[in-house]
C-alpha atoms as a PDB file:
ATOM      1  CA  UNK A   1      15.186  -4.966   0.658  1.00  0.00           C
ATOM      2  CA  UNK A   2      17.877  -3.418  -0.103  1.00  0.00           C
ATOM      3  CA  UNK A   3      20.982  -1.959   1.770  1.00  0.00           C
ATOM      4  CA  UNK A   4      21.899   1.768   1.645  1.00  0.00           C
ATOM      5  CA  UNK A   5      24.981   3.009   2.445  1.00  0.00           C
ATOM      6  CA  UNK A   6      24.851   1.254   5.976  1.00  0.00           C
ATOM      7  CA  UNK A   7      20.999   1.286   6.415  1.00  0.00           C
ATOM      8  CA  UNK A   8      18.460  -1.261   5.023  1.00  0.00           C
ATOM      9  CA  UNK A   9      15.108  -0.045   3.389  1.00  0.00           C
ATOM     10  CA  UNK A  10      12.210  -2.329   2.720  1.00  0.00           C
ATOM     11  CA  UNK A  11       9.319  -1.808   0.405  1.00  0.00           C
ATOM     12  CA  UNK A  12       6.382  -3.944   0.421  1.00  0.00           C
ATOM     13  CA  UNK A  13       2.640  -3.815  -1.159  1.00  0.00           C
ATOM     14  CA  UNK A  14       0.293  -6.078   0.667  1.00  0.00           C
ATOM     15  CA  UNK A  15      -3.442  -7.576   0.000  1.00  0.00           C
ATOM     16  CA  UNK A  16      -5.465  -8.021   2.777  1.00  0.00           C
ATOM     17  CA  UNK A  17      -2.549  -7.181   5.548  1.00  0.00           C
ATOM     18  CA  UNK A  18      -3.589  -7.599   9.201  1.00  0.00           C
ATOM     19  CA  UNK A  19      -0.336  -5.136  10.834  1.00  0.00           C
ATOM     20  CA  UNK A  20      -0.663  -7.298  14.432  1.00  0.00           C
ATOM     21  CA  UNK A  21      -3.639  -5.701  15.476  1.00  0.00           C
ATOM     22  CA  UNK A  22      -5.736  -2.534  16.554  1.00  0.00           C
ATOM     23  CA  UNK A  23      -3.380  -1.445  19.462  1.00  0.00           C
ATOM     24  CA  UNK A  24      -0.115  -1.936  17.128  1.00  0.00           C
ATOM     25  CA  UNK A  25      -1.993   0.357  13.802  1.00  0.00           C
ATOM     26  CA  UNK A  26      -0.726   3.500  14.965  1.00  0.00           C
ATOM     27  CA  UNK A  27       2.681   2.666  15.173  1.00  0.00           C
ATOM     28  CA  UNK A  28       2.480   0.978  11.744  1.00  0.00           C
ATOM     29  CA  UNK A  29       0.495   4.090  10.248  1.00  0.00           C
ATOM     30  CA  UNK A  30       0.505   7.719  10.819  1.00  0.00           C
ATOM     31  CA  UNK A  31      -2.661   8.844  12.759  1.00  0.00           C
ATOM     32  CA  UNK A  32      -4.448  11.198  10.281  1.00  0.00           C
ATOM     33  CA  UNK A  33      -3.888   8.318   8.084  1.00  0.00           C
ATOM     34  CA  UNK A  34      -5.045   5.617   9.649  1.00  0.00           C
ATOM     35  CA  UNK A  35      -9.463   6.004   9.190  1.00  0.00           C
ATOM     36  CA  UNK A  36      -8.511   6.035   5.632  1.00  0.00           C
ATOM     37  CA  UNK A  37      -6.053   2.596   5.435  1.00  0.00           C
ATOM     38  CA  UNK A  38      -8.490   0.561   7.532  1.00  0.00           C
ATOM     39  CA  UNK A  39     -12.491  -0.329   6.587  1.00  0.00           C
ATOM     40  CA  UNK A  40     -15.139   0.282   9.367  1.00  0.00           C
ATOM     41  CA  UNK A  41     -14.270  -2.908  11.351  1.00  0.00           C
ATOM     42  CA  UNK A  42     -10.552  -2.280  11.633  1.00  0.00           C
ATOM     43  CA  UNK A  43      -9.190  -4.392   8.520  1.00  0.00           C
ATOM     44  CA  UNK A  44      -6.530  -2.937   6.381  1.00  0.00           C
ATOM     45  CA  UNK A  45      -7.007  -3.189   2.828  1.00  0.00           C
ATOM     46  CA  UNK A  46      -4.342  -3.551   0.346  1.00  0.00           C
ATOM     47  CA  UNK A  47      -1.221  -1.678   1.865  1.00  0.00           C
ATOM     48  CA  UNK A  48       2.001  -0.284   0.627  1.00  0.00           C
ATOM     49  CA  UNK A  49       4.607  -0.627   3.229  1.00  0.00           C
ATOM     50  CA  UNK A  50       8.124   1.261   3.368  1.00  0.00           C
ATOM     51  CA  UNK A  51      10.649   0.916   6.199  1.00  0.00           C
ATOM     52  CA  UNK A  52       8.039  -0.768   8.038  1.00  0.00           C
ATOM     53  CA  UNK A  53       5.078   1.650   8.203  1.00  0.00           C
ATOM     54  CA  UNK A  54       2.004   1.977   6.431  1.00  0.00           C
ATOM     55  CA  UNK A  55       2.506   4.854   3.951  1.00  0.00           C
ATOM     56  CA  UNK A  56      -0.539   4.029   1.614  1.00  0.00           C
ATOM     57  CA  UNK A  57      -2.649   1.590  -0.197  1.00  0.00           C
ATOM     58  CA  UNK A  58      -3.154   0.419  -4.307  1.00  0.00           C
ATOM     59  CA  UNK A  59      -5.050  -1.245  -6.519  1.00  0.00           C
ATOM     60  CA  UNK A  60      -5.693  -2.326  -9.919  1.00  0.00           C
ATOM     61  CA  UNK A  61      -6.526  -0.264 -12.882  1.00  0.00           C
ATOM     62  CA  UNK A  62     -10.320  -1.710 -13.487  1.00  0.00           C
ATOM     63  CA  UNK A  63     -10.582  -0.139 -16.712  1.00  0.00           C
ATOM     64  CA  UNK A  64      -6.947  -1.678 -18.332  1.00  0.00           C
ATOM     65  CA  UNK A  65      -7.490  -4.492 -19.789  1.00  0.00           C
ATOM     66  CA  UNK A  66      -3.559  -5.713 -18.129  1.00  0.00           C
ATOM     67  CA  UNK A  67      -4.656  -4.708 -14.870  1.00  0.00           C
ATOM     68  CA  UNK A  68      -1.289  -2.330 -13.734  1.00  0.00           C
ATOM     69  CA  UNK A  69      -1.121  -1.767  -9.981  1.00  0.00           C
ATOM     70  CA  UNK A  70      -1.801   1.760  -9.625  1.00  0.00           C
ATOM     71  CA  UNK A  71       0.111   3.109  -6.116  1.00  0.00           C
ATOM     72  CA  UNK A  72      -2.187   5.518  -3.920  1.00  0.00           C
ATOM     73  CA  UNK A  73       0.475   7.082  -1.856  1.00  0.00           C
ATOM     74  CA  UNK A  74       0.741  10.892  -0.197  1.00  0.00           C
ATOM     75  CA  UNK A  75       2.336  13.348  -2.875  1.00  0.00           C
ATOM     76  CA  UNK A  76       4.769  13.947  -0.324  1.00  0.00           C
ATOM     77  CA  UNK A  77       6.462  10.508   0.012  1.00  0.00           C
ATOM     78  CA  UNK A  78       9.867  10.482  -0.536  1.00  0.00           C
ATOM     79  CA  UNK A  79      11.287   9.916  -3.813  1.00  0.00           C
ATOM     80  CA  UNK A  80      13.245   6.702  -2.935  1.00  0.00           C
ATOM     81  CA  UNK A  81      10.356   5.476  -1.071  1.00  0.00           C
ATOM     82  CA  UNK A  82       7.813   6.207  -4.055  1.00  0.00           C
ATOM     83  CA  UNK A  83      10.582   4.657  -6.569  1.00  0.00           C
ATOM     84  CA  UNK A  84      10.726   1.424  -4.228  1.00  0.00           C
ATOM     85  CA  UNK A  85       7.360   1.364  -4.231  1.00  0.00           C
ATOM     86  CA  UNK A  86       6.733   1.887  -8.080  1.00  0.00           C
ATOM     87  CA  UNK A  87       8.973  -0.908  -8.765  1.00  0.00           C
ATOM     88  CA  UNK A  88       7.041  -3.202  -6.158  1.00  0.00           C
ATOM     89  CA  UNK A  89       4.100  -2.023  -8.463  1.00  0.00           C
ATOM     90  CA  UNK A  90       5.742  -3.013 -11.381  1.00  0.00           C
ATOM     91  CA  UNK A  91       6.887  -6.585 -10.193  1.00  0.00           C
ATOM     92  CA  UNK A  92       3.365  -7.110  -9.137  1.00  0.00           C
ATOM     93  CA  UNK A  93       1.627  -5.897 -12.061  1.00  0.00           C
ATOM     94  CA  UNK A  94       4.229  -8.326 -14.558  1.00  0.00           C
ATOM     95  CA  UNK A  95       3.514 -11.173 -12.098  1.00  0.00           C
ATOM     96  CA  UNK A  96      -0.307 -10.796 -11.719  1.00  0.00           C
ATOM     97  CA  UNK A  97      -0.176 -10.748 -15.931  1.00  0.00           C
ATOM     98  CA  UNK A  98      -3.441  -9.086 -16.219  1.00  0.00           C
ATOM     99  CA  UNK A  99      -5.512 -11.488 -12.984  1.00  0.00           C
ATOM    100  CA  UNK A 100      -7.777  -8.811 -11.207  1.00  0.00           C
ATOM    101  CA  UNK A 101      -7.168  -9.364  -7.045  1.00  0.00           C
ATOM    102  CA  UNK A 102     -10.739  -8.841  -5.370  1.00  0.00           C
ATOM    103  CA  UNK A 103     -10.570  -7.736  -2.070  1.00  0.00           C
ATOM    104  CA  UNK A 104     -13.688  -7.744   0.175  1.00  0.00           C
ATOM    105  CA  UNK A 105     -11.819  -5.067   3.073  1.00  0.00           C
ATOM    106  CA  UNK A 106     -11.740  -2.121   0.367  1.00  0.00           C
ATOM    107  CA  UNK A 107     -10.426   0.711   2.739  1.00  0.00           C
ATOM    108  CA  UNK A 108     -11.520   4.596   2.428  1.00  0.00           C
ATOM    109  CA  UNK A 109      -8.282   5.029   0.408  1.00  0.00           C
ATOM    110  CA  UNK A 110      -9.060   2.034  -2.066  1.00  0.00           C
ATOM    111  CA  UNK A 111     -12.276   2.965  -2.648  1.00  0.00           C
ATOM    112  CA  UNK A 112     -11.413   6.687  -3.494  1.00  0.00           C
ATOM    113  CA  UNK A 113     -10.893   8.956  -0.317  1.00  0.00           C
ATOM    114  CA  UNK A 114      -7.376  10.575  -0.523  1.00  0.00           C
ATOM    115  CA  UNK A 115      -5.023  10.720   2.569  1.00  0.00           C
ATOM    116  CA  UNK A 116      -4.993  14.074   4.393  1.00  0.00           C
END
């Protein structure tokens, strides 16, 4: 979390995040994005959060031995949000140090579907 001129912003990358059950999901993600961020049973896969909302997801590069974290976020995501999430991805990549995270709850976006 960081303060930007009196307002506080936050970014996070989560694995197998459960954003407080099905009824709260529309409040946590854009309605058009929800089918891409949750699997057919309603489980969230790896999620990218900005200011309390799910804005996309993340995966690890399956071809690179270093297994860097790759963001899957909309092209029109605000520059400050993208920058903060990229920093989080770099931190997570360094912390994982080549270890691959396996998630049985892979959302459609994690399997290659693009957000609308």
